[in-house]
């Protein structure tokens, strides 16, 4: 893939991945044919900031877990009010990391 496409992808979506994964993502995207650029850009990546806000404001109801596609944990969190509020604190601390991991899994499935 053209260097411009890789730079464009990273400038638009780079904040949705952990910084330590950036070199690996760049290498994998560079190896793709140019025709796949639109496909990887069209993926609905989740915002780590939105995940954090959901976790802080709506965490006891499991909205942060639903947002990241973790339906089972979201339902469990909903019925236990954030795992009796203990899990809520842990989820707030890990919400951005979980969003980065979710986005990396989406990208790897597409590559």
N, C-alpha and C. Protein backbone atom coordinates (compact mmCIF):
# COMPACT_ATOMS: atom_id res chain seq x y z
N UNK A 1 0.85 -1.17 0.00
CA UNK A 1 0.00 0.00 0.00
C UNK A 1 0.89 1.24 0.00
N UNK A 2 0.41 2.27 -0.61
CA UNK A 2 1.17 3.52 -0.68
C UNK A 2 1.41 4.10 0.70
N UNK A 3 2.56 4.74 0.85
CA UNK A 3 2.94 5.34 2.13
C UNK A 3 1.92 6.41 2.55
N UNK A 4 1.37 7.13 1.56
CA UNK A 4 0.38 8.17 1.86
C UNK A 4 -0.88 7.58 2.50
N UNK A 5 -1.29 6.41 2.02
CA UNK A 5 -2.47 5.76 2.60
C UNK A 5 -2.21 5.35 4.04
N UNK A 6 -1.04 4.83 4.31
CA UNK A 6 -0.70 4.41 5.67
C UNK A 6 -0.68 5.62 6.60
N UNK A 7 -0.07 6.70 6.14
CA UNK A 7 -0.01 7.94 6.94
C UNK A 7 -1.41 8.49 7.17
N UNK A 8 -2.23 8.45 6.15
CA UNK A 8 -3.61 8.94 6.27
C UNK A 8 -4.39 8.09 7.28
N UNK A 9 -4.27 6.78 7.18
CA UNK A 9 -4.97 5.89 8.10
C UNK A 9 -4.54 6.16 9.55
N UNK A 10 -3.24 6.27 9.76
CA UNK A 10 -2.74 6.47 11.13
C UNK A 10 -3.12 7.85 11.67
N UNK A 11 -3.19 8.86 10.82
CA UNK A 11 -3.58 10.18 11.31
C UNK A 11 -5.06 10.22 11.68
N UNK A 12 -5.88 9.45 10.96
CA UNK A 12 -7.31 9.43 11.25
C UNK A 12 -7.64 8.49 12.41
N UNK A 13 -7.06 7.29 12.40
CA UNK A 13 -7.45 6.25 13.35
C UNK A 13 -6.38 5.91 14.38
N UNK A 14 -5.25 6.55 14.36
CA UNK A 14 -4.15 6.20 15.26
C UNK A 14 -4.49 6.28 16.73
N UNK A 15 -5.33 7.23 17.10
CA UNK A 15 -5.69 7.39 18.51
C UNK A 15 -6.61 6.27 19.02
N UNK A 16 -7.08 5.45 18.13
CA UNK A 16 -7.98 4.36 18.53
C UNK A 16 -7.23 3.07 18.80
N UNK A 17 -5.89 3.13 18.68
CA UNK A 17 -5.04 1.98 18.95
C UNK A 17 -3.98 2.37 19.96
N UNK A 18 -3.51 1.39 20.72
CA UNK A 18 -2.45 1.63 21.69
C UNK A 18 -1.17 2.04 20.94
N UNK A 19 -0.44 2.98 21.49
CA UNK A 19 0.77 3.50 20.85
C UNK A 19 1.78 2.40 20.55
N UNK A 20 1.91 1.43 21.43
CA UNK A 20 2.89 0.36 21.22
C UNK A 20 2.53 -0.53 20.03
N UNK A 21 1.28 -0.48 19.57
CA UNK A 21 0.86 -1.27 18.40
C UNK A 21 1.02 -0.54 17.07
N UNK A 22 1.32 0.74 17.10
CA UNK A 22 1.42 1.53 15.87
C UNK A 22 2.42 0.97 14.86
N UNK A 23 3.66 0.62 15.26
CA UNK A 23 4.60 0.08 14.25
C UNK A 23 4.09 -1.20 13.59
N UNK A 24 3.51 -2.09 14.37
CA UNK A 24 2.98 -3.35 13.83
C UNK A 24 1.82 -3.07 12.87
N UNK A 25 0.95 -2.15 13.23
CA UNK A 25 -0.19 -1.80 12.37
C UNK A 25 0.30 -1.21 11.06
N UNK A 26 1.28 -0.31 11.13
CA UNK A 26 1.83 0.29 9.91
C UNK A 26 2.41 -0.78 8.98
N UNK A 27 3.18 -1.71 9.53
CA UNK A 27 3.77 -2.78 8.71
C UNK A 27 2.69 -3.62 8.05
N UNK A 28 1.66 -3.97 8.82
CA UNK A 28 0.59 -4.82 8.27
C UNK A 28 -0.18 -4.10 7.17
N UNK A 29 -0.43 -2.80 7.35
CA UNK A 29 -1.18 -2.04 6.35
C UNK A 29 -0.33 -1.82 5.10
N UNK A 30 0.96 -1.58 5.27
CA UNK A 30 1.85 -1.40 4.12
C UNK A 30 1.87 -2.64 3.24
N UNK A 31 1.69 -3.82 3.82
CA UNK A 31 1.72 -5.07 3.07
C UNK A 31 0.43 -5.32 2.28
N UNK A 32 -0.61 -4.55 2.56
CA UNK A 32 -1.89 -4.74 1.87
C UNK A 32 -1.89 -4.12 0.48
N UNK A 33 -2.68 -4.66 -0.43
CA UNK A 33 -2.86 -3.99 -1.72
C UNK A 33 -3.69 -2.72 -1.55
N UNK A 34 -3.49 -1.76 -2.45
CA UNK A 34 -4.19 -0.47 -2.36
C UNK A 34 -5.71 -0.60 -2.37
N UNK A 35 -6.22 -1.65 -3.00
CA UNK A 35 -7.67 -1.83 -3.09
C UNK A 35 -8.32 -2.07 -1.73
N UNK A 36 -7.55 -2.49 -0.74
CA UNK A 36 -8.11 -2.79 0.58
C UNK A 36 -8.17 -1.58 1.51
N UNK A 37 -7.63 -0.44 1.04
CA UNK A 37 -7.58 0.75 1.90
C UNK A 37 -8.97 1.19 2.36
N UNK A 38 -9.91 1.26 1.43
CA UNK A 38 -11.26 1.68 1.79
C UNK A 38 -11.91 0.71 2.79
N UNK A 39 -11.59 -0.55 2.64
CA UNK A 39 -12.15 -1.56 3.53
C UNK A 39 -11.69 -1.37 4.98
N UNK A 40 -10.40 -1.11 5.19
CA UNK A 40 -9.92 -0.95 6.56
C UNK A 40 -10.32 0.41 7.14
N UNK A 41 -10.54 1.38 6.29
CA UNK A 41 -10.99 2.69 6.77
C UNK A 41 -12.47 2.68 7.14
N UNK A 42 -13.24 1.77 6.55
CA UNK A 42 -14.68 1.73 6.78
C UNK A 42 -15.06 1.00 8.07
N UNK A 43 -14.08 0.39 8.74
CA UNK A 43 -14.37 -0.33 9.98
C UNK A 43 -14.84 0.67 11.04
N UNK A 44 -15.83 0.28 11.81
CA UNK A 44 -16.38 1.13 12.86
C UNK A 44 -15.55 0.97 14.13
N UNK A 45 -14.42 1.68 14.19
CA UNK A 45 -13.56 1.63 15.37
C UNK A 45 -14.23 2.37 16.52
N UNK A 46 -14.04 1.87 17.72
CA UNK A 46 -14.64 2.49 18.91
C UNK A 46 -13.66 3.48 19.53
N UNK A 47 -14.18 4.57 20.00
CA UNK A 47 -13.36 5.60 20.62
C UNK A 47 -13.03 5.23 22.07
N UNK A 48 -11.75 5.20 22.42
CA UNK A 48 -11.37 4.93 23.81
C UNK A 48 -11.91 5.99 24.78
N UNK A 49 -12.00 7.23 24.31
CA UNK A 49 -12.53 8.29 25.16
C UNK A 49 -14.02 8.07 25.44
N UNK A 50 -14.76 7.68 24.43
CA UNK A 50 -16.18 7.39 24.62
C UNK A 50 -16.36 6.21 25.57
N UNK A 51 -15.51 5.20 25.43
CA UNK A 51 -15.58 4.05 26.35
C UNK A 51 -15.34 4.50 27.79
N UNK A 52 -14.39 5.41 27.99
CA UNK A 52 -14.12 5.92 29.34
C UNK A 52 -15.30 6.71 29.87
N UNK A 53 -15.89 7.55 29.06
CA UNK A 53 -17.04 8.35 29.49
C UNK A 53 -18.23 7.44 29.83
N UNK A 54 -18.48 6.45 28.98
CA UNK A 54 -19.55 5.49 29.28
C UNK A 54 -19.27 4.76 30.59
N UNK A 55 -18.02 4.40 30.81
CA UNK A 55 -17.65 3.67 32.01
C UNK A 55 -17.87 4.51 33.27
N UNK A 56 -17.53 5.78 33.18
CA UNK A 56 -17.68 6.67 34.35
C UNK A 56 -19.16 6.98 34.61
N UNK A 57 -19.88 7.37 33.56
CA UNK A 57 -21.25 7.85 33.75
C UNK A 57 -22.30 6.73 33.79
N UNK A 58 -22.12 5.71 32.98
CA UNK A 58 -23.14 4.68 32.85
C UNK A 58 -22.61 3.28 33.17
N UNK A 59 -21.46 3.22 33.81
CA UNK A 59 -20.83 1.95 34.13
C UNK A 59 -21.68 0.99 34.93
N UNK A 60 -22.40 1.45 35.96
CA UNK A 60 -23.21 0.51 36.74
C UNK A 60 -24.28 -0.21 35.90
N UNK A 61 -24.62 0.35 34.76
CA UNK A 61 -25.64 -0.25 33.91
C UNK A 61 -25.04 -1.07 32.76
N UNK A 62 -23.71 -1.16 32.71
CA UNK A 62 -23.03 -1.99 31.72
C UNK A 62 -22.93 -1.39 30.34
N UNK A 63 -23.23 -0.12 30.18
CA UNK A 63 -23.22 0.50 28.87
C UNK A 63 -21.83 0.45 28.24
N UNK A 64 -20.79 0.60 29.05
CA UNK A 64 -19.43 0.55 28.50
C UNK A 64 -19.12 -0.83 27.92
N UNK A 65 -19.63 -1.88 28.54
CA UNK A 65 -19.42 -3.24 28.02
C UNK A 65 -20.25 -3.48 26.76
N UNK A 66 -21.47 -2.99 26.74
CA UNK A 66 -22.29 -3.11 25.54
C UNK A 66 -21.64 -2.38 24.37
N UNK A 67 -21.07 -1.21 24.63
CA UNK A 67 -20.41 -0.40 23.60
C UNK A 67 -19.27 -1.16 22.93
N UNK A 68 -18.55 -1.96 23.71
CA UNK A 68 -17.41 -2.70 23.18
C UNK A 68 -17.78 -4.13 22.76
N UNK A 69 -19.07 -4.40 22.66
CA UNK A 69 -19.51 -5.69 22.15
C UNK A 69 -19.46 -6.82 23.15
N UNK A 70 -19.28 -6.52 24.42
CA UNK A 70 -19.22 -7.55 25.46
C UNK A 70 -20.60 -7.67 26.10
N UNK A 71 -21.52 -8.26 25.38
CA UNK A 71 -22.93 -8.29 25.77
C UNK A 71 -23.13 -9.05 27.08
N UNK A 72 -22.51 -10.22 27.21
CA UNK A 72 -22.68 -11.02 28.42
C UNK A 72 -22.22 -10.29 29.67
N UNK A 73 -21.05 -9.66 29.60
CA UNK A 73 -20.55 -8.91 30.75
C UNK A 73 -21.39 -7.67 31.00
N UNK A 74 -21.93 -7.09 29.93
CA UNK A 74 -22.80 -5.93 30.10
C UNK A 74 -24.07 -6.29 30.85
N UNK A 75 -24.66 -7.43 30.52
CA UNK A 75 -25.88 -7.89 31.21
C UNK A 75 -25.56 -8.21 32.67
N UNK A 76 -24.44 -8.88 32.89
CA UNK A 76 -24.03 -9.19 34.27
C UNK A 76 -23.82 -7.92 35.07
N UNK A 77 -23.18 -6.95 34.47
CA UNK A 77 -22.93 -5.68 35.14
C UNK A 77 -24.24 -4.93 35.42
N UNK A 78 -25.17 -5.02 34.49
CA UNK A 78 -26.46 -4.37 34.64
C UNK A 78 -27.22 -4.93 35.84
N UNK A 79 -27.23 -6.24 35.98
CA UNK A 79 -27.99 -6.87 37.07
C UNK A 79 -27.28 -6.86 38.41
N UNK A 80 -25.98 -6.55 38.42
CA UNK A 80 -25.25 -6.50 39.70
C UNK A 80 -24.79 -5.09 40.04
N UNK A 81 -25.31 -4.10 39.30
CA UNK A 81 -24.91 -2.70 39.48
C UNK A 81 -23.40 -2.54 39.47
N UNK A 82 -22.81 -2.96 38.39
CA UNK A 82 -21.37 -2.79 38.23
C UNK A 82 -20.57 -3.72 39.12
N UNK A 83 -21.02 -4.96 39.22
CA UNK A 83 -20.37 -5.96 40.10
C UNK A 83 -20.25 -5.41 41.51
N UNK A 84 -21.37 -4.87 42.01
CA UNK A 84 -21.44 -4.28 43.36
C UNK A 84 -20.47 -3.12 43.51
N UNK A 85 -20.29 -2.37 42.46
CA UNK A 85 -19.47 -1.16 42.39
C UNK A 85 -17.96 -1.42 42.48
N UNK A 86 -17.53 -2.62 42.80
CA UNK A 86 -16.09 -2.92 42.82
C UNK A 86 -15.59 -3.07 41.39
N UNK A 87 -16.32 -3.82 40.58
CA UNK A 87 -15.96 -3.98 39.17
C UNK A 87 -16.04 -2.67 38.41
N UNK A 88 -16.88 -1.77 38.87
CA UNK A 88 -17.02 -0.47 38.23
C UNK A 88 -15.70 0.30 38.26
N UNK A 89 -15.03 0.29 39.39
CA UNK A 89 -13.75 0.99 39.51
C UNK A 89 -12.71 0.36 38.60
N UNK A 90 -12.66 -0.97 38.57
CA UNK A 90 -11.71 -1.65 37.70
C UNK A 90 -12.01 -1.38 36.23
N UNK A 91 -13.28 -1.33 35.87
CA UNK A 91 -13.66 -1.05 34.50
C UNK A 91 -13.31 0.37 34.08
N UNK A 92 -13.45 1.32 34.98
CA UNK A 92 -13.07 2.70 34.66
C UNK A 92 -11.58 2.77 34.36
N UNK A 93 -10.79 2.07 35.16
CA UNK A 93 -9.34 2.09 34.97
C UNK A 93 -8.90 1.37 33.69
N UNK A 94 -9.69 0.39 33.23
CA UNK A 94 -9.27 -0.40 32.08
C UNK A 94 -10.07 -0.13 30.80
N UNK A 95 -10.98 0.82 30.83
CA UNK A 95 -11.89 1.01 29.68
C UNK A 95 -11.15 1.40 28.40
N UNK A 96 -10.18 2.27 28.48
CA UNK A 96 -9.46 2.68 27.27
C UNK A 96 -8.62 1.54 26.72
N UNK A 97 -8.02 0.77 27.60
CA UNK A 97 -7.23 -0.38 27.18
C UNK A 97 -8.11 -1.42 26.48
N UNK A 98 -9.31 -1.63 27.00
CA UNK A 98 -10.25 -2.57 26.37
C UNK A 98 -10.70 -2.07 25.00
N UNK A 99 -10.89 -0.75 24.86
CA UNK A 99 -11.27 -0.18 23.56
C UNK A 99 -10.14 -0.35 22.54
N UNK A 100 -8.90 -0.13 22.97
CA UNK A 100 -7.75 -0.34 22.08
C UNK A 100 -7.69 -1.80 21.63
N UNK A 101 -7.88 -2.72 22.55
CA UNK A 101 -7.84 -4.15 22.22
C UNK A 101 -8.98 -4.52 21.26
N UNK A 102 -10.16 -3.97 21.49
CA UNK A 102 -11.31 -4.22 20.61
C UNK A 102 -11.00 -3.76 19.18
N UNK A 103 -10.45 -2.56 19.05
CA UNK A 103 -10.13 -2.02 17.73
C UNK A 103 -9.05 -2.84 17.03
N UNK A 104 -8.06 -3.30 17.79
CA UNK A 104 -7.00 -4.12 17.20
C UNK A 104 -7.57 -5.44 16.70
N UNK A 105 -8.48 -6.05 17.46
CA UNK A 105 -9.11 -7.30 17.01
C UNK A 105 -9.90 -7.07 15.72
N UNK A 106 -10.64 -5.95 15.64
CA UNK A 106 -11.40 -5.65 14.42
C UNK A 106 -10.48 -5.51 13.21
N UNK A 107 -9.38 -4.80 13.40
CA UNK A 107 -8.45 -4.59 12.31
C UNK A 107 -7.80 -5.92 11.89
N UNK A 108 -7.40 -6.72 12.86
CA UNK A 108 -6.75 -8.00 12.54
C UNK A 108 -7.71 -8.96 11.83
N UNK A 109 -8.99 -8.93 12.17
CA UNK A 109 -9.96 -9.77 11.48
C UNK A 109 -10.09 -9.34 10.01
N UNK A 110 -9.95 -8.05 9.75
CA UNK A 110 -10.08 -7.54 8.40
C UNK A 110 -8.81 -7.79 7.58
N UNK A 111 -7.67 -7.73 8.24
CA UNK A 111 -6.41 -7.95 7.53
C UNK A 111 -6.28 -9.43 7.20
